Amino acid sequence: MKLDVPIETLHLTDNIIKKLKELQLYTVQDLWCCKREFLKKNGCTDSEIHKIQIELQLRSIDFNHKIYKF
């Protein structure tokens, strides 16, 4: 997957997108480089983080530069 695409391509709610942009996370790559703890410390709920994680995993990637290979 291309990582330099806007986070809007992840099919997240508008509220989550707004929070991510407030944290200056604009692309999938910005989010991919992020850690769960960063999101938690900056106001994201466990439920929101879980939704983000699912969307990333559907693209075979995860927080903190993880890539899943099949």
PDB file of N, CA and C in Angstrom:
ATOM      1  N   MET A   1       0.831  -1.192   0.000  1.00  0.00           N
ATOM      2  CA  MET A   1       0.000   0.000   0.000  1.00  0.00           C
ATOM      3  C   MET A   1       0.865   1.241   0.000  1.00  0.00           C
ATOM      4  N   LYS A   2       0.399   2.219  -0.706  1.00  0.00           N
ATOM      5  CA  LYS A   2       1.059   3.526  -0.673  1.00  0.00           C
ATOM      6  C   LYS A   2       0.821   4.162   0.684  1.00  0.00           C
ATOM      7  N   LEU A   3       1.857   4.703   1.264  1.00  0.00           N
ATOM      8  CA  LEU A   3       1.735   5.296   2.587  1.00  0.00           C
ATOM      9  C   LEU A   3       1.576   6.807   2.557  1.00  0.00           C
ATOM     10  N   ASP A   4       1.858   7.426   1.436  1.00  0.00           N
ATOM     11  CA  ASP A   4       1.797   8.886   1.373  1.00  0.00           C
ATOM     12  C   ASP A   4       0.417   9.389   0.922  1.00  0.00           C
ATOM     13  N   VAL A   5      -0.611   8.642   1.290  1.00  0.00           N
ATOM     14  CA  VAL A   5      -1.982   9.039   0.977  1.00  0.00           C
ATOM     15  C   VAL A   5      -2.627   9.655   2.218  1.00  0.00           C
ATOM     16  N   PRO A   6      -3.629  10.513   2.031  1.00  0.00           N
ATOM     17  CA  PRO A   6      -4.284  11.154   3.180  1.00  0.00           C
ATOM     18  C   PRO A   6      -4.961  10.137   4.099  1.00  0.00           C
ATOM     19  N   ILE A   7      -5.047  10.477   5.380  1.00  0.00           N
ATOM     20  CA  ILE A   7      -5.673   9.561   6.341  1.00  0.00           C
ATOM     21  C   ILE A   7      -7.156   9.355   6.060  1.00  0.00           C
ATOM     22  N   GLU A   8      -7.756  10.238   5.299  1.00  0.00           N
ATOM     23  CA  GLU A   8      -9.165  10.077   4.944  1.00  0.00           C
ATOM     24  C   GLU A   8      -9.418   8.781   4.173  1.00  0.00           C
ATOM     25  N   THR A   9      -8.411   8.227   3.545  1.00  0.00           N
ATOM     26  CA  THR A   9      -8.571   6.982   2.793  1.00  0.00           C
ATOM     27  C   THR A   9      -8.769   5.771   3.702  1.00  0.00           C
ATOM     28  N   LEU A  10      -8.611   5.943   5.007  1.00  0.00           N
ATOM     29  CA  LEU A  10      -8.731   4.832   5.947  1.00  0.00           C
ATOM     30  C   LEU A  10     -10.161   4.545   6.401  1.00  0.00           C
ATOM     31  N   HIS A  11     -11.150   5.269   5.930  1.00  0.00           N
ATOM     32  CA  HIS A  11     -12.547   5.034   6.289  1.00  0.00           C
ATOM     33  C   HIS A  11     -12.787   5.142   7.790  1.00  0.00           C
ATOM     34  N   LEU A  12     -12.234   6.174   8.387  1.00  0.00           N
ATOM     35  CA  LEU A  12     -12.442   6.451   9.810  1.00  0.00           C
ATOM     36  C   LEU A  12     -13.528   7.506   9.963  1.00  0.00           C
ATOM     37  N   THR A  13     -14.069   7.644  11.161  1.00  0.00           N
ATOM     38  CA  THR A  13     -15.102   8.656  11.387  1.00  0.00           C
ATOM     39  C   THR A  13     -14.493  10.055  11.293  1.00  0.00           C
ATOM     40  N   ASP A  14     -15.351  11.019  11.037  1.00  0.00           N
ATOM     41  CA  ASP A  14     -14.899  12.411  10.950  1.00  0.00           C
ATOM     42  C   ASP A  14     -14.261  12.873  12.255  1.00  0.00           C
ATOM     43  N   ASN A  15     -14.792  12.398  13.377  1.00  0.00           N
ATOM     44  CA  ASN A  15     -14.257  12.767  14.677  1.00  0.00           C
ATOM     45  C   ASN A  15     -12.816  12.267  14.848  1.00  0.00           C
ATOM     46  N   ILE A  16     -12.556  11.043  14.432  1.00  0.00           N
ATOM     47  CA  ILE A  16     -11.205  10.481  14.538  1.00  0.00           C
ATOM     48  C   ILE A  16     -10.265  11.225  13.598  1.00  0.00           C
ATOM     49  N   ILE A  17     -10.712  11.491  12.380  1.00  0.00           N
ATOM     50  CA  ILE A  17      -9.897  12.229  11.410  1.00  0.00           C
ATOM     51  C   ILE A  17      -9.529  13.599  11.973  1.00  0.00           C
ATOM     52  N   LYS A  18     -10.496  14.263  12.580  1.00  0.00           N
ATOM     53  CA  LYS A  18     -10.255  15.589  13.160  1.00  0.00           C
ATOM     54  C   LYS A  18      -9.191  15.519  14.262  1.00  0.00           C
ATOM     55  N   LYS A  19      -9.303  14.519  15.140  1.00  0.00           N
ATOM     56  CA  LYS A  19      -8.314  14.359  16.218  1.00  0.00           C
ATOM     57  C   LYS A  19      -6.911  14.109  15.655  1.00  0.00           C
ATOM     58  N   LEU A  20      -6.835  13.270  14.636  1.00  0.00           N
ATOM     59  CA  LEU A  20      -5.534  12.953  14.044  1.00  0.00           C
ATOM     60  C   LEU A  20      -4.907  14.193  13.406  1.00  0.00           C
ATOM     61  N   LYS A  21      -5.718  14.981  12.739  1.00  0.00           N
ATOM     62  CA  LYS A  21      -5.195  16.200  12.117  1.00  0.00           C
ATOM     63  C   LYS A  21      -4.747  17.211  13.167  1.00  0.00           C
ATOM     64  N   GLU A  22      -5.439  17.265  14.302  1.00  0.00           N
ATOM     65  CA  GLU A  22      -5.010  18.138  15.396  1.00  0.00           C
ATOM     66  C   GLU A  22      -3.648  17.718  15.939  1.00  0.00           C
ATOM     67  N   LEU A  23      -3.334  16.418  15.800  1.00  0.00           N
ATOM     68  CA  LEU A  23      -2.036  15.891  16.227  1.00  0.00           C
ATOM     69  C   LEU A  23      -1.000  15.955  15.095  1.00  0.00           C
ATOM     70  N   GLN A  24      -1.367  16.629  14.018  1.00  0.00           N
ATOM     71  CA  GLN A  24      -0.522  16.798  12.839  1.00  0.00           C
ATOM     72  C   GLN A  24      -0.180  15.464  12.174  1.00  0.00           C
ATOM     73  N   LEU A  25      -1.151  14.581  12.143  1.00  0.00           N
ATOM     74  CA  LEU A  25      -1.035  13.306  11.443  1.00  0.00           C
ATOM     75  C   LEU A  25      -1.938  13.404  10.220  1.00  0.00           C
ATOM     76  N   TYR A  26      -1.336  13.638   9.073  1.00  0.00           N
ATOM     77  CA  TYR A  26      -2.103  13.920   7.859  1.00  0.00           C
ATOM     78  C   TYR A  26      -2.109  12.774   6.854  1.00  0.00           C
ATOM     79  N   THR A  27      -1.105  11.923   6.898  1.00  0.00           N
ATOM     80  CA  THR A  27      -1.022  10.823   5.934  1.00  0.00           C
ATOM     81  C   THR A  27      -1.007   9.485   6.658  1.00  0.00           C
ATOM     82  N   VAL A  28      -1.232   8.426   5.912  1.00  0.00           N
ATOM     83  CA  VAL A  28      -1.164   7.081   6.477  1.00  0.00           C
ATOM     84  C   VAL A  28       0.246   6.834   7.018  1.00  0.00           C
ATOM     85  N   GLN A  29       1.242   7.353   6.351  1.00  0.00           N
ATOM     86  CA  GLN A  29       2.612   7.173   6.820  1.00  0.00           C
ATOM     87  C   GLN A  29       2.833   7.843   8.184  1.00  0.00           C
ATOM     88  N   ASP A  30       2.281   9.027   8.372  1.00  0.00           N
ATOM     89  CA  ASP A  30       2.379   9.695   9.673  1.00  0.00           C
ATOM     90  C   ASP A  30       1.792   8.809  10.767  1.00  0.00           C
ATOM     91  N   LEU A  31       0.664   8.215  10.482  1.00  0.00           N
ATOM     92  CA  LEU A  31      -0.016   7.359  11.447  1.00  0.00           C
ATOM     93  C   LEU A  31       0.756   6.059  11.669  1.00  0.00           C
ATOM     94  N   TRP A  32       1.291   5.496  10.609  1.00  0.00           N
ATOM     95  CA  TRP A  32       2.057   4.256  10.657  1.00  0.00           C
ATOM     96  C   TRP A  32       3.288   4.417  11.545  1.00  0.00           C
ATOM     97  N   CYS A  33       3.911   5.590  11.520  1.00  0.00           N
ATOM     98  CA  CYS A  33       5.109   5.853  12.323  1.00  0.00           C
ATOM     99  C   CYS A  33       4.779   6.113  13.792  1.00  0.00           C
ATOM    100  N   CYS A  34       3.541   6.325  14.070  1.00  0.00           N
ATOM    101  CA  CYS A  34       3.067   6.695  15.400  1.00  0.00           C
ATOM    102  C   CYS A  34       3.020   5.478  16.329  1.00  0.00           C
ATOM    103  N   LYS A  35       2.977   5.737  17.608  1.00  0.00           N
ATOM    104  CA  LYS A  35       2.801   4.678  18.594  1.00  0.00           C
ATOM    105  C   LYS A  35       1.442   4.840  19.257  1.00  0.00           C
ATOM    106  N   ARG A  36       0.863   3.722  19.693  1.00  0.00           N
ATOM    107  CA  ARG A  36      -0.431   3.744  20.376  1.00  0.00           C
ATOM    108  C   ARG A  36      -0.401   4.664  21.590  1.00  0.00           C
ATOM    109  N   GLU A  37       0.699   4.621  22.323  1.00  0.00           N
ATOM    110  CA  GLU A  37       0.829   5.438  23.531  1.00  0.00           C
ATOM    111  C   GLU A  37       0.724   6.929  23.219  1.00  0.00           C
ATOM    112  N   PHE A  38       1.273   7.343  22.077  1.00  0.00           N
ATOM    113  CA  PHE A  38       1.198   8.747  21.665  1.00  0.00           C
ATOM    114  C   PHE A  38      -0.265   9.152  21.480  1.00  0.00           C
ATOM    115  N   LEU A  39      -1.025   8.309  20.793  1.00  0.00           N
ATOM    116  CA  LEU A  39      -2.430   8.614  20.558  1.00  0.00           C
ATOM    117  C   LEU A  39      -3.202   8.648  21.870  1.00  0.00           C
ATOM    118  N   LYS A  40      -2.926   7.688  22.751  1.00  0.00           N
ATOM    119  CA  LYS A  40      -3.611   7.612  24.044  1.00  0.00           C
ATOM    120  C   LYS A  40      -3.316   8.850  24.901  1.00  0.00           C
ATOM    121  N   LYS A  41      -2.062   9.269  24.935  1.00  0.00           N
ATOM    122  CA  LYS A  41      -1.670  10.429  25.733  1.00  0.00           C
ATOM    123  C   LYS A  41      -2.242  11.725  25.177  1.00  0.00           C
ATOM    124  N   ASN A  42      -2.609  11.711  23.908  1.00  0.00           N
ATOM    125  CA  ASN A  42      -3.093  12.929  23.265  1.00  0.00           C
ATOM    126  C   ASN A  42      -4.593  12.905  22.985  1.00  0.00           C
ATOM    127  N   GLY A  43      -5.345  12.163  23.781  1.00  0.00           N
ATOM    128  CA  GLY A  43      -6.795  12.277  23.760  1.00  0.00           C
ATOM    129  C   GLY A  43      -7.591  11.270  22.969  1.00  0.00           C
ATOM    130  N   CYS A  44      -6.964  10.318  22.332  1.00  0.00           N
ATOM    131  CA  CYS A  44      -7.721   9.291  21.613  1.00  0.00           C
ATOM    132  C   CYS A  44      -8.158   8.209  22.601  1.00  0.00           C
ATOM    133  N   THR A  45      -9.375   7.754  22.457  1.00  0.00           N
ATOM    134  CA  THR A  45      -9.888   6.696  23.328  1.00  0.00           C
ATOM    135  C   THR A  45      -9.390   5.334  22.843  1.00  0.00           C
ATOM    136  N   ASP A  46      -9.507   4.335  23.711  1.00  0.00           N
ATOM    137  CA  ASP A  46      -9.117   2.980  23.322  1.00  0.00           C
ATOM    138  C   ASP A  46      -9.926   2.498  22.121  1.00  0.00           C
ATOM    139  N   SER A  47     -11.195   2.840  22.098  1.00  0.00           N
ATOM    140  CA  SER A  47     -12.073   2.447  20.993  1.00  0.00           C
ATOM    141  C   SER A  47     -11.615   3.076  19.675  1.00  0.00           C
ATOM    142  N   GLU A  48     -11.261   4.354  19.714  1.00  0.00           N
ATOM    143  CA  GLU A  48     -10.778   5.044  18.506  1.00  0.00           C
ATOM    144  C   GLU A  48      -9.454   4.451  18.032  1.00  0.00           C
ATOM    145  N   ILE A  49      -8.574   4.183  18.968  1.00  0.00           N
ATOM    146  CA  ILE A  49      -7.279   3.594  18.621  1.00  0.00           C
ATOM    147  C   ILE A  49      -7.484   2.215  18.003  1.00  0.00           C
ATOM    148  N   HIS A  50      -8.412   1.458  18.556  1.00  0.00           N
ATOM    149  CA  HIS A  50      -8.706   0.133  18.019  1.00  0.00           C
ATOM    150  C   HIS A  50      -9.230   0.230  16.578  1.00  0.00           C
ATOM    151  N   LYS A  51     -10.110   1.180  16.317  1.00  0.00           N
ATOM    152  CA  LYS A  51     -10.637   1.372  14.957  1.00  0.00           C
ATOM    153  C   LYS A  51      -9.519   1.748  13.983  1.00  0.00           C
ATOM    154  N   ILE A  52      -8.622   2.614  14.425  1.00  0.00           N
ATOM    155  CA  ILE A  52      -7.477   3.006  13.594  1.00  0.00           C
ATOM    156  C   ILE A  52      -6.612   1.792  13.315  1.00  0.00           C
ATOM    157  N   GLN A  53      -6.341   1.012  14.361  1.00  0.00           N
ATOM    158  CA  GLN A  53      -5.493  -0.169  14.225  1.00  0.00           C
ATOM    159  C   GLN A  53      -6.085  -1.176  13.238  1.00  0.00           C
ATOM    160  N   ILE A  54      -7.378  -1.379  13.286  1.00  0.00           N
ATOM    161  CA  ILE A  54      -8.041  -2.293  12.350  1.00  0.00           C
ATOM    162  C   ILE A  54      -7.871  -1.809  10.918  1.00  0.00           C
ATOM    163  N   GLU A  55      -8.078  -0.522  10.698  1.00  0.00           N
ATOM    164  CA  GLU A  55      -7.932   0.026   9.340  1.00  0.00           C
ATOM    165  C   GLU A  55      -6.489  -0.125   8.834  1.00  0.00           C
ATOM    166  N   LEU A  56      -5.526   0.071   9.716  1.00  0.00           N
ATOM    167  CA  LEU A  56      -4.128  -0.115   9.317  1.00  0.00           C
ATOM    168  C   LEU A  56      -3.851  -1.583   9.011  1.00  0.00           C
ATOM    169  N   GLN A  57      -4.348  -2.470   9.856  1.00  0.00           N
ATOM    170  CA  GLN A  57      -4.105  -3.895   9.659  1.00  0.00           C
ATOM    171  C   GLN A  57      -4.754  -4.418   8.389  1.00  0.00           C
ATOM    172  N   LEU A  58      -5.866  -3.819   7.981  1.00  0.00           N
ATOM    173  CA  LEU A  58      -6.483  -4.207   6.715  1.00  0.00           C
ATOM    174  C   LEU A  58      -5.573  -3.884   5.538  1.00  0.00           C
ATOM    175  N   ARG A  59      -4.608  -3.033   5.766  1.00  0.00           N
ATOM    176  CA  ARG A  59      -3.628  -2.670   4.740  1.00  0.00           C
ATOM    177  C   ARG A  59      -2.267  -3.304   5.016  1.00  0.00           C
ATOM    178  N   SER A  60      -2.253  -4.291   5.903  1.00  0.00           N
ATOM    179  CA  SER A  60      -1.054  -5.069   6.262  1.00  0.00           C
ATOM    180  C   SER A  60       0.020  -4.240   6.946  1.00  0.00           C
ATOM    181  N   ILE A  61      -0.389  -3.199   7.659  1.00  0.00           N
ATOM    182  CA  ILE A  61       0.567  -2.407   8.428  1.00  0.00           C
ATOM    183  C   ILE A  61      -0.009  -2.177   9.827  1.00  0.00           C
ATOM    184  N   ASP A  62       0.828  -1.717  10.726  1.00  0.00           N
ATOM    185  CA  ASP A  62       0.391  -1.438  12.087  1.00  0.00           C
ATOM    186  C   ASP A  62       1.238  -0.314  12.651  1.00  0.00           C
ATOM    187  N   PHE A  63       0.872   0.152  13.827  1.00  0.00           N
ATOM    188  CA  PHE A  63       1.620   1.226  14.469  1.00  0.00           C
ATOM    189  C   PHE A  63       3.100   0.861  14.621  1.00  0.00           C
ATOM    190  N   ASN A  64       3.921   1.896  14.770  1.00  0.00           N
ATOM    191  CA  ASN A  64       5.339   1.748  15.065  1.00  0.00           C
ATOM    192  C   ASN A  64       6.109   1.016  13.964  1.00  0.00           C
ATOM    193  N   HIS A  65       5.782   1.316  12.721  1.00  0.00           N
ATOM    194  CA  HIS A  65       6.498   0.802  11.542  1.00  0.00           C
ATOM    195  C   HIS A  65       6.356  -0.694  11.305  1.00  0.00           C
ATOM    196  N   LYS A  66       5.346  -1.333  11.837  1.00  0.00           N
ATOM    197  CA  LYS A  66       5.187  -2.774  11.612  1.00  0.00           C
ATOM    198  C   LYS A  66       4.542  -3.025  10.253  1.00  0.00           C
ATOM    199  N   ILE A  67       5.073  -4.026   9.558  1.00  0.00           N
ATOM    200  CA  ILE A  67       4.522  -4.471   8.276  1.00  0.00           C
ATOM    201  C   ILE A  67       4.269  -5.954   8.382  1.00  0.00           C
ATOM    202  N   TYR A  68       3.089  -6.379   7.976  1.00  0.00           N
ATOM    203  CA  TYR A  68       2.751  -7.800   8.017  1.00  0.00           C
ATOM    204  C   TYR A  68       2.892  -8.363   6.609  1.00  0.00           C
ATOM    205  N   LYS A  69       3.577  -9.482   6.527  1.00  0.00           N
ATOM    206  CA  LYS A  69       3.758 -10.151   5.235  1.00  0.00           C
ATOM    207  C   LYS A  69       3.053 -11.489   5.273  1.00  0.00           C
ATOM    208  N   PHE A  70       2.415 -11.799   4.179  1.00  0.00           N
ATOM    209  CA  PHE A  70       1.681 -13.053   4.093  1.00  0.00           C
ATOM    210  C   PHE A  70       2.412 -13.996   3.196  1.00  0.00           C
TER     211      PHE A  70
END
